N, C-alpha and C. Protein backbone atom coordinates (compact mmCIF):
# COMPACT_ATOMS: atom_id res chain seq x y z
N MET A 1 80.68 68.34 82.47
CA MET A 1 81.57 69.00 81.54
C MET A 1 81.33 70.51 81.60
N SER A 2 82.39 71.29 81.59
CA SER A 2 82.28 72.74 81.65
C SER A 2 81.63 73.30 80.40
N GLY A 3 80.98 74.44 80.57
CA GLY A 3 80.36 75.12 79.44
C GLY A 3 80.77 76.57 79.42
N THR A 4 80.84 77.15 78.23
CA THR A 4 81.21 78.56 78.07
C THR A 4 80.02 79.44 78.42
N VAL A 5 80.26 80.44 79.27
CA VAL A 5 79.26 81.41 79.68
C VAL A 5 79.38 82.67 78.82
N TYR A 6 80.65 83.05 78.51
CA TYR A 6 80.91 84.27 77.74
C TYR A 6 82.28 84.13 77.09
N SER A 7 82.42 84.71 75.91
CA SER A 7 83.72 84.69 75.23
C SER A 7 83.82 85.89 74.30
N ASP A 8 85.01 86.51 74.25
CA ASP A 8 85.31 87.54 73.26
C ASP A 8 86.78 87.37 72.87
N ASP A 9 87.39 88.37 72.24
CA ASP A 9 88.77 88.25 71.77
C ASP A 9 89.79 88.16 72.90
N ASP A 10 89.42 88.61 74.11
CA ASP A 10 90.37 88.69 75.22
C ASP A 10 90.12 87.71 76.36
N ILE A 11 88.87 87.37 76.60
CA ILE A 11 88.54 86.56 77.77
C ILE A 11 87.53 85.46 77.42
N VAL A 12 87.50 84.48 78.26
CA VAL A 12 86.44 83.46 78.21
C VAL A 12 86.08 83.12 79.66
N ILE A 13 84.78 83.01 79.90
CA ILE A 13 84.30 82.62 81.22
C ILE A 13 83.60 81.29 81.05
N VAL A 14 84.02 80.32 81.87
CA VAL A 14 83.41 79.00 81.81
C VAL A 14 82.75 78.68 83.15
N ASN A 15 81.74 77.84 83.08
CA ASN A 15 81.10 77.30 84.27
C ASN A 15 81.75 75.94 84.50
N LYS A 16 82.75 75.90 85.38
CA LYS A 16 83.55 74.70 85.62
C LYS A 16 82.76 73.68 86.43
N SER A 17 82.86 72.45 85.98
CA SER A 17 82.22 71.34 86.69
C SER A 17 83.13 70.83 87.80
N PRO A 18 82.55 70.25 88.86
CA PRO A 18 83.39 69.64 89.90
C PRO A 18 84.23 68.52 89.29
N GLY A 19 85.47 68.41 89.77
CA GLY A 19 86.36 67.35 89.29
C GLY A 19 87.29 67.78 88.18
N GLU A 20 87.03 68.93 87.57
CA GLU A 20 87.91 69.42 86.51
C GLU A 20 89.01 70.29 87.11
N ASP A 21 90.20 70.16 86.61
CA ASP A 21 91.35 70.95 87.04
C ASP A 21 91.33 72.28 86.29
N SER A 22 91.39 73.40 87.03
CA SER A 22 91.33 74.74 86.43
C SER A 22 92.43 74.96 85.40
N GLU A 23 93.64 74.56 85.75
CA GLU A 23 94.77 74.82 84.86
C GLU A 23 94.71 73.96 83.60
N ARG A 24 94.28 72.71 83.74
CA ARG A 24 94.13 71.85 82.56
C ARG A 24 93.01 72.34 81.66
N LEU A 25 91.94 72.82 82.29
CA LEU A 25 90.82 73.37 81.53
C LEU A 25 91.29 74.58 80.72
N ALA A 26 92.05 75.47 81.36
CA ALA A 26 92.58 76.65 80.67
C ALA A 26 93.48 76.22 79.51
N GLU A 27 94.33 75.25 79.77
CA GLU A 27 95.25 74.75 78.74
C GLU A 27 94.48 74.17 77.55
N SER A 28 93.41 73.45 77.82
CA SER A 28 92.63 72.84 76.73
C SER A 28 91.95 73.89 75.85
N ILE A 29 91.69 75.06 76.44
CA ILE A 29 91.08 76.16 75.68
C ILE A 29 92.15 77.03 75.04
N GLY A 30 93.38 76.91 75.50
CA GLY A 30 94.47 77.76 75.02
C GLY A 30 94.45 79.12 75.68
N ALA A 31 94.11 79.14 76.99
CA ALA A 31 93.97 80.40 77.71
C ALA A 31 94.78 80.34 79.01
N PHE A 32 94.85 81.50 79.68
CA PHE A 32 95.57 81.63 80.95
C PHE A 32 94.55 81.78 82.08
N PRO A 33 94.65 80.98 83.17
CA PRO A 33 93.70 81.15 84.27
C PRO A 33 93.99 82.45 85.03
N CYS A 34 92.95 83.23 85.28
CA CYS A 34 93.09 84.49 86.03
C CYS A 34 92.85 84.28 87.52
N HIS A 35 92.32 83.14 87.88
CA HIS A 35 92.17 82.70 89.26
C HIS A 35 91.98 81.19 89.19
N ARG A 36 91.96 80.55 90.35
CA ARG A 36 91.81 79.11 90.42
C ARG A 36 90.53 78.73 91.13
N LEU A 37 90.04 77.58 90.78
CA LEU A 37 89.02 76.93 91.58
C LEU A 37 89.58 75.57 91.94
N ASP A 38 89.43 75.17 93.19
CA ASP A 38 89.87 73.83 93.58
C ASP A 38 89.24 72.81 92.64
N LYS A 39 89.94 71.73 92.41
CA LYS A 39 89.45 70.71 91.49
C LYS A 39 88.04 70.24 91.86
N ALA A 40 87.78 70.09 93.15
CA ALA A 40 86.47 69.61 93.59
C ALA A 40 85.38 70.68 93.56
N ALA A 41 85.77 71.96 93.42
CA ALA A 41 84.81 73.07 93.40
C ALA A 41 84.23 73.24 92.01
N SER A 42 83.17 74.03 91.94
CA SER A 42 82.53 74.30 90.66
C SER A 42 82.27 75.80 90.53
N GLY A 43 81.80 76.20 89.36
CA GLY A 43 81.38 77.59 89.18
C GLY A 43 82.17 78.35 88.14
N LEU A 44 82.04 79.67 88.22
CA LEU A 44 82.60 80.56 87.22
C LEU A 44 84.12 80.65 87.32
N LEU A 45 84.76 80.52 86.16
CA LEU A 45 86.21 80.60 86.06
C LEU A 45 86.55 81.55 84.92
N LEU A 46 87.35 82.58 85.21
CA LEU A 46 87.76 83.57 84.22
C LEU A 46 89.12 83.19 83.64
N LEU A 47 89.18 83.14 82.31
CA LEU A 47 90.41 82.81 81.60
C LEU A 47 90.74 83.92 80.62
N ALA A 48 92.03 84.24 80.50
CA ALA A 48 92.48 85.25 79.54
C ALA A 48 92.98 84.56 78.28
N LYS A 49 92.60 85.09 77.13
CA LYS A 49 92.99 84.48 75.85
C LYS A 49 94.33 84.95 75.34
N ASN A 50 94.90 86.00 75.95
CA ASN A 50 96.20 86.50 75.50
C ASN A 50 96.96 87.06 76.71
N LYS A 51 98.26 87.28 76.51
CA LYS A 51 99.12 87.73 77.62
C LYS A 51 98.75 89.12 78.10
N ARG A 52 98.32 90.00 77.20
CA ARG A 52 97.93 91.36 77.60
C ARG A 52 96.73 91.31 78.55
N ALA A 53 95.73 90.52 78.20
CA ALA A 53 94.54 90.38 79.05
C ALA A 53 94.91 89.74 80.38
N ALA A 54 95.77 88.73 80.34
CA ALA A 54 96.20 88.06 81.57
C ALA A 54 96.91 89.05 82.49
N ALA A 55 97.78 89.88 81.94
CA ALA A 55 98.52 90.85 82.75
C ALA A 55 97.56 91.84 83.42
N ALA A 56 96.51 92.21 82.72
CA ALA A 56 95.55 93.17 83.27
C ALA A 56 94.64 92.55 84.34
N LEU A 57 94.34 91.27 84.19
CA LEU A 57 93.38 90.62 85.09
C LEU A 57 94.01 89.85 86.24
N CYS A 58 95.20 89.33 86.04
CA CYS A 58 95.83 88.46 87.04
C CYS A 58 96.65 89.27 88.04
N VAL A 59 96.01 90.25 88.65
CA VAL A 59 96.64 91.07 89.67
C VAL A 59 95.81 90.95 90.95
N PRO A 60 96.42 91.11 92.11
CA PRO A 60 95.64 91.04 93.35
C PRO A 60 94.47 92.02 93.33
N GLY A 61 93.30 91.50 93.60
CA GLY A 61 92.10 92.35 93.61
C GLY A 61 91.52 92.63 92.25
N GLY A 62 92.12 92.10 91.19
CA GLY A 62 91.64 92.36 89.83
C GLY A 62 90.30 91.73 89.53
N VAL A 63 90.01 90.63 90.19
CA VAL A 63 88.75 89.92 90.00
C VAL A 63 88.09 89.73 91.36
N LYS A 64 86.89 90.26 91.52
CA LYS A 64 86.15 90.07 92.77
C LYS A 64 85.32 88.81 92.62
N LYS A 65 85.47 87.90 93.58
CA LYS A 65 84.82 86.59 93.51
C LYS A 65 83.86 86.41 94.68
N THR A 66 82.70 85.86 94.37
CA THR A 66 81.71 85.53 95.38
C THR A 66 81.38 84.05 95.25
N TYR A 67 81.30 83.38 96.38
CA TYR A 67 81.04 81.94 96.40
C TYR A 67 79.78 81.66 97.20
N ILE A 68 79.10 80.58 96.84
CA ILE A 68 78.01 80.04 97.63
C ILE A 68 78.49 78.69 98.17
N ILE A 69 78.40 78.53 99.48
CA ILE A 69 78.83 77.28 100.11
C ILE A 69 77.72 76.77 101.01
N ARG A 70 77.79 75.51 101.31
CA ARG A 70 76.90 74.92 102.31
C ARG A 70 77.81 74.32 103.37
N VAL A 71 77.58 74.71 104.62
CA VAL A 71 78.43 74.25 105.71
C VAL A 71 77.61 73.46 106.73
N GLU A 72 78.30 72.62 107.45
CA GLU A 72 77.67 71.87 108.53
C GLU A 72 77.43 72.79 109.71
N GLY A 73 76.26 72.69 110.29
CA GLY A 73 75.92 73.47 111.47
C GLY A 73 75.25 74.79 111.14
N ILE A 74 74.75 75.42 112.19
CA ILE A 74 74.10 76.73 112.09
C ILE A 74 75.07 77.77 112.64
N LEU A 75 75.43 78.74 111.82
CA LEU A 75 76.38 79.77 112.25
C LEU A 75 75.71 80.71 113.26
N GLU A 76 76.41 80.97 114.34
CA GLU A 76 75.88 81.86 115.37
C GLU A 76 75.77 83.29 114.83
N GLN A 77 76.84 83.76 114.20
CA GLN A 77 76.83 85.08 113.58
C GLN A 77 76.31 84.95 112.16
N LYS A 78 75.28 85.68 111.81
CA LYS A 78 74.64 85.53 110.50
C LYS A 78 75.36 86.28 109.38
N SER A 79 76.29 87.11 109.76
CA SER A 79 77.17 87.78 108.78
C SER A 79 78.41 88.22 109.52
N GLY A 80 79.47 88.46 108.74
CA GLY A 80 80.69 88.90 109.40
C GLY A 80 81.89 88.84 108.48
N ARG A 81 83.02 88.97 109.10
CA ARG A 81 84.32 89.00 108.41
C ARG A 81 85.22 88.01 109.12
N LEU A 82 85.80 87.09 108.37
CA LEU A 82 86.75 86.14 108.94
C LEU A 82 88.15 86.58 108.56
N GLU A 83 89.01 86.74 109.56
CA GLU A 83 90.40 87.12 109.35
C GLU A 83 91.29 86.13 110.07
N ASP A 84 92.15 85.48 109.32
CA ASP A 84 93.05 84.48 109.89
C ASP A 84 94.42 84.60 109.25
N LEU A 85 95.36 83.93 109.88
CA LEU A 85 96.68 83.72 109.28
C LEU A 85 96.70 82.28 108.79
N LEU A 86 97.08 82.07 107.53
CA LEU A 86 97.10 80.73 106.96
C LEU A 86 98.50 80.33 106.55
N TRP A 87 98.80 79.07 106.81
CA TRP A 87 100.06 78.47 106.37
C TRP A 87 99.73 77.25 105.54
N ARG A 88 100.37 77.13 104.41
CA ARG A 88 100.10 76.03 103.50
C ARG A 88 101.25 75.03 103.50
N ASP A 89 100.92 73.77 103.70
CA ASP A 89 101.88 72.68 103.60
C ASP A 89 101.72 72.09 102.20
N ALA A 90 102.60 72.48 101.29
CA ALA A 90 102.49 72.05 99.89
C ALA A 90 102.65 70.53 99.75
N ARG A 91 103.47 69.93 100.59
CA ARG A 91 103.67 68.47 100.51
C ARG A 91 102.38 67.71 100.80
N LYS A 92 101.62 68.20 101.76
CA LYS A 92 100.36 67.54 102.13
C LYS A 92 99.17 68.12 101.37
N ASN A 93 99.40 69.20 100.62
CA ASN A 93 98.33 69.92 99.92
C ASN A 93 97.21 70.27 100.90
N LYS A 94 97.62 70.88 102.01
CA LYS A 94 96.67 71.25 103.05
C LYS A 94 97.07 72.60 103.64
N THR A 95 96.06 73.38 104.01
CA THR A 95 96.27 74.70 104.58
C THR A 95 95.80 74.69 106.03
N TYR A 96 96.48 75.45 106.87
CA TYR A 96 96.18 75.47 108.30
C TYR A 96 96.03 76.91 108.78
N VAL A 97 95.11 77.13 109.73
CA VAL A 97 95.03 78.39 110.45
C VAL A 97 96.10 78.34 111.52
N VAL A 98 96.94 79.38 111.58
CA VAL A 98 98.00 79.46 112.59
C VAL A 98 97.83 80.75 113.39
N ASP A 99 98.55 80.85 114.51
CA ASP A 99 98.33 82.00 115.39
C ASP A 99 99.41 83.06 115.36
N ARG A 100 100.44 82.85 114.52
CA ARG A 100 101.49 83.88 114.46
C ARG A 100 102.14 83.90 113.08
N ILE A 101 102.72 85.04 112.76
CA ILE A 101 103.44 85.21 111.50
C ILE A 101 104.76 84.45 111.57
N ARG A 102 105.06 83.74 110.51
CA ARG A 102 106.35 83.08 110.32
C ARG A 102 106.50 82.86 108.82
N ALA A 103 107.57 82.25 108.41
CA ALA A 103 107.81 82.06 106.98
C ALA A 103 106.64 81.31 106.34
N GLY A 104 106.16 81.85 105.23
CA GLY A 104 105.10 81.21 104.47
C GLY A 104 103.69 81.50 104.95
N VAL A 105 103.53 82.22 106.05
CA VAL A 105 102.20 82.53 106.59
C VAL A 105 101.67 83.79 105.91
N LYS A 106 100.39 83.73 105.51
CA LYS A 106 99.77 84.87 104.81
C LYS A 106 98.42 85.18 105.44
N PRO A 107 98.05 86.47 105.46
CA PRO A 107 96.72 86.81 105.98
C PRO A 107 95.63 86.37 105.00
N ALA A 108 94.49 85.99 105.56
CA ALA A 108 93.35 85.56 104.76
C ALA A 108 92.09 86.25 105.29
N ILE A 109 91.36 86.90 104.39
CA ILE A 109 90.17 87.65 104.80
C ILE A 109 89.03 87.34 103.84
N LEU A 110 87.86 87.10 104.41
CA LEU A 110 86.64 86.98 103.61
C LEU A 110 85.48 87.57 104.40
N GLU A 111 84.45 87.98 103.68
CA GLU A 111 83.22 88.46 104.29
C GLU A 111 82.12 87.47 103.93
N TYR A 112 81.18 87.25 104.83
CA TYR A 112 80.13 86.27 104.57
C TYR A 112 78.79 86.74 105.11
N ARG A 113 77.74 86.11 104.59
CA ARG A 113 76.40 86.28 105.14
C ARG A 113 75.63 84.98 104.91
N VAL A 114 74.86 84.60 105.91
CA VAL A 114 74.05 83.40 105.82
C VAL A 114 72.83 83.71 104.95
N ILE A 115 72.60 82.84 103.97
CA ILE A 115 71.45 83.00 103.07
C ILE A 115 70.26 82.21 103.59
N SER A 116 70.53 81.00 104.07
CA SER A 116 69.44 80.17 104.59
C SER A 116 70.00 79.12 105.55
N GLU A 117 69.11 78.55 106.34
CA GLU A 117 69.46 77.51 107.29
C GLU A 117 68.36 76.45 107.26
N SER A 118 68.77 75.19 107.29
CA SER A 118 67.78 74.12 107.42
C SER A 118 68.46 72.81 107.79
N ASP A 119 67.77 72.03 108.59
CA ASP A 119 68.22 70.68 108.96
C ASP A 119 69.66 70.63 109.47
N GLY A 120 70.09 71.66 110.19
CA GLY A 120 71.43 71.66 110.76
C GLY A 120 72.53 72.08 109.80
N PHE A 121 72.16 72.70 108.68
CA PHE A 121 73.13 73.18 107.70
C PHE A 121 72.85 74.66 107.40
N SER A 122 73.90 75.37 107.00
CA SER A 122 73.78 76.78 106.60
C SER A 122 74.29 76.96 105.18
N THR A 123 73.53 77.71 104.40
CA THR A 123 73.98 78.11 103.06
C THR A 123 74.49 79.53 103.21
N VAL A 124 75.73 79.75 102.75
CA VAL A 124 76.45 80.99 103.03
C VAL A 124 77.00 81.58 101.75
N GLU A 125 76.88 82.90 101.62
CA GLU A 125 77.53 83.63 100.53
C GLU A 125 78.83 84.21 101.07
N CYS A 126 79.94 83.96 100.37
CA CYS A 126 81.26 84.44 100.79
C CYS A 126 81.84 85.34 99.71
N ARG A 127 82.30 86.52 100.13
CA ARG A 127 83.01 87.40 99.21
C ARG A 127 84.48 87.43 99.63
N MET A 128 85.33 87.06 98.68
CA MET A 128 86.76 86.97 98.98
C MET A 128 87.42 88.34 98.98
N ILE A 129 88.19 88.60 100.01
CA ILE A 129 89.02 89.80 100.07
C ILE A 129 90.44 89.40 99.64
N THR A 130 90.90 88.26 100.13
CA THR A 130 92.16 87.68 99.68
C THR A 130 91.82 86.36 99.00
N GLY A 131 92.75 85.77 98.33
CA GLY A 131 92.49 84.50 97.65
C GLY A 131 93.59 83.50 97.94
N ARG A 132 93.48 82.81 99.04
CA ARG A 132 94.49 81.82 99.44
C ARG A 132 93.99 80.40 99.09
N THR A 133 94.92 79.51 98.91
CA THR A 133 94.58 78.13 98.61
C THR A 133 93.74 77.54 99.74
N HIS A 134 92.59 76.98 99.39
CA HIS A 134 91.65 76.35 100.33
C HIS A 134 91.13 77.32 101.39
N GLN A 135 91.19 78.61 101.13
CA GLN A 135 90.87 79.62 102.14
C GLN A 135 89.48 79.43 102.76
N ILE A 136 88.44 79.40 101.95
CA ILE A 136 87.08 79.27 102.49
C ILE A 136 86.98 77.97 103.28
N ARG A 137 87.51 76.92 102.71
CA ARG A 137 87.40 75.60 103.31
C ARG A 137 88.02 75.56 104.71
N VAL A 138 89.24 76.07 104.83
CA VAL A 138 89.94 75.99 106.12
C VAL A 138 89.40 77.02 107.12
N GLN A 139 88.99 78.20 106.65
CA GLN A 139 88.49 79.20 107.59
C GLN A 139 87.19 78.74 108.25
N PHE A 140 86.28 78.16 107.48
CA PHE A 140 85.04 77.67 108.09
C PHE A 140 85.28 76.40 108.90
N ALA A 141 86.11 75.49 108.42
CA ALA A 141 86.40 74.27 109.16
C ALA A 141 87.05 74.58 110.51
N SER A 142 87.90 75.61 110.56
CA SER A 142 88.57 75.96 111.82
C SER A 142 87.59 76.48 112.86
N ARG A 143 86.38 76.82 112.41
CA ARG A 143 85.33 77.31 113.32
C ARG A 143 84.24 76.25 113.52
N ALA A 144 84.59 74.99 113.24
CA ALA A 144 83.71 73.83 113.42
C ALA A 144 82.51 73.86 112.47
N HIS A 145 82.68 74.46 111.29
CA HIS A 145 81.64 74.48 110.26
C HIS A 145 82.26 74.10 108.91
N PRO A 146 82.71 72.85 108.76
CA PRO A 146 83.33 72.47 107.49
C PRO A 146 82.34 72.56 106.33
N VAL A 147 82.87 72.83 105.14
CA VAL A 147 82.06 72.85 103.93
C VAL A 147 81.59 71.41 103.67
N CYS A 148 80.32 71.26 103.38
CA CYS A 148 79.76 69.92 103.13
C CYS A 148 80.52 69.23 102.00
N GLY A 149 80.84 67.98 102.22
CA GLY A 149 81.57 67.18 101.24
C GLY A 149 83.07 67.35 101.29
N ASP A 150 83.57 68.18 102.19
CA ASP A 150 85.01 68.46 102.26
C ASP A 150 85.67 67.56 103.31
N ARG A 151 85.89 66.31 102.94
CA ARG A 151 86.46 65.34 103.86
C ARG A 151 87.86 65.74 104.33
N ARG A 152 88.62 66.44 103.48
CA ARG A 152 89.97 66.86 103.84
C ARG A 152 89.98 67.76 105.08
N TYR A 153 88.95 68.59 105.22
CA TYR A 153 88.91 69.53 106.34
C TYR A 153 87.81 69.19 107.35
N GLY A 154 87.41 67.93 107.41
CA GLY A 154 86.59 67.47 108.51
C GLY A 154 85.11 67.31 108.28
N SER A 155 84.62 67.45 107.06
CA SER A 155 83.19 67.25 106.83
C SER A 155 82.83 65.78 107.03
N LYS A 156 81.69 65.57 107.66
CA LYS A 156 81.17 64.21 107.83
C LYS A 156 80.19 63.87 106.70
N GLU A 157 79.88 64.85 105.87
CA GLU A 157 78.96 64.66 104.76
C GLU A 157 79.69 64.09 103.55
N SER A 158 79.09 63.10 102.92
CA SER A 158 79.68 62.56 101.69
C SER A 158 79.10 63.32 100.50
N GLY A 159 79.63 63.07 99.35
CA GLY A 159 79.15 63.74 98.15
C GLY A 159 80.10 64.83 97.69
N GLU A 160 79.64 65.60 96.70
CA GLU A 160 80.47 66.65 96.11
C GLU A 160 80.73 67.77 97.11
N LEU A 161 81.86 68.43 96.92
CA LEU A 161 82.20 69.61 97.70
C LEU A 161 81.17 70.69 97.42
N SER A 162 80.56 71.24 98.44
CA SER A 162 79.51 72.25 98.28
C SER A 162 80.13 73.65 98.29
N LEU A 163 80.91 73.94 97.26
CA LEU A 163 81.60 75.22 97.12
C LEU A 163 81.54 75.61 95.65
N ARG A 164 80.86 76.73 95.38
CA ARG A 164 80.60 77.14 93.99
C ARG A 164 80.90 78.62 93.83
N CYS A 165 81.74 78.97 92.85
CA CYS A 165 81.98 80.37 92.52
C CYS A 165 80.76 80.86 91.74
N SER A 166 79.98 81.72 92.36
CA SER A 166 78.70 82.12 91.79
C SER A 166 78.72 83.48 91.10
N LYS A 167 79.76 84.28 91.34
CA LYS A 167 79.77 85.64 90.79
C LYS A 167 81.20 86.12 90.58
N LEU A 168 81.44 86.74 89.43
CA LEU A 168 82.73 87.37 89.11
C LEU A 168 82.48 88.81 88.71
N GLU A 169 83.28 89.73 89.26
CA GLU A 169 83.21 91.14 88.89
C GLU A 169 84.62 91.61 88.56
N PHE A 170 84.78 92.30 87.43
CA PHE A 170 86.09 92.78 87.03
C PHE A 170 85.93 93.81 85.93
N SER A 171 87.02 94.50 85.64
CA SER A 171 87.05 95.45 84.52
C SER A 171 87.62 94.74 83.31
N HIS A 172 86.95 94.92 82.18
CA HIS A 172 87.43 94.27 80.95
C HIS A 172 88.83 94.77 80.63
N PRO A 173 89.74 93.86 80.24
CA PRO A 173 91.13 94.27 80.00
C PRO A 173 91.29 95.22 78.81
N ARG A 174 90.32 95.29 77.95
CA ARG A 174 90.38 96.22 76.81
C ARG A 174 89.25 97.24 76.99
N GLY A 175 89.58 98.42 77.43
CA GLY A 175 88.58 99.47 77.59
C GLY A 175 88.09 99.71 79.00
N GLY A 176 88.27 98.74 79.89
CA GLY A 176 87.95 98.94 81.30
C GLY A 176 86.47 98.85 81.68
N GLU A 177 85.61 98.40 80.77
CA GLU A 177 84.19 98.29 81.10
C GLU A 177 84.00 97.34 82.29
N LYS A 178 83.17 97.77 83.26
CA LYS A 178 82.88 96.95 84.44
C LYS A 178 81.95 95.81 84.02
N LEU A 179 82.36 94.59 84.31
CA LEU A 179 81.57 93.42 83.95
C LEU A 179 81.22 92.63 85.21
N CYS A 180 80.06 92.00 85.17
CA CYS A 180 79.61 91.17 86.27
C CYS A 180 78.90 89.96 85.67
N PHE A 181 79.34 88.76 86.07
CA PHE A 181 78.73 87.52 85.64
C PHE A 181 78.29 86.76 86.88
N GLU A 182 77.06 86.26 86.83
CA GLU A 182 76.51 85.58 88.00
C GLU A 182 75.70 84.36 87.57
N ILE A 183 75.88 83.26 88.31
CA ILE A 183 75.08 82.06 88.06
C ILE A 183 74.46 81.61 89.37
């Protein structure tokens, strides 16, 4: 079950549990989601309690998000930037890396660094530059390093999806104070 990390008159930050739907969670609190976490993912979720706060926070680049993931295999490059073109098939609820621009294709960028490696797995910190549906999942899977537990994108590991939003950075919608929350 999700728990509240922080709350004031304008925002609430919850630590979302795997299996909970971001939008339903926001609705149950009476708030607006400022970003999404896949249902199977966990971690910090920022919600706006009013339309003014939502308008200030729900803009591209308004919230900087960092994730911790565990992927299959040992990454050759220990840090870097992944840039791809992604196309989403809404009917299949699946995203694909494609090689050319066409209708519905969007650029996807993230920066990463390997935190640790053991037993054929890598723990990786990812900082999102863009925020596309299933972006981290498909970008790593397309490089033969699926996120552990992500059967949709080729993981052979069973269990929960190993994708957690660990850090949020943003300016408070009232007054602009720089805030950072990390778990």
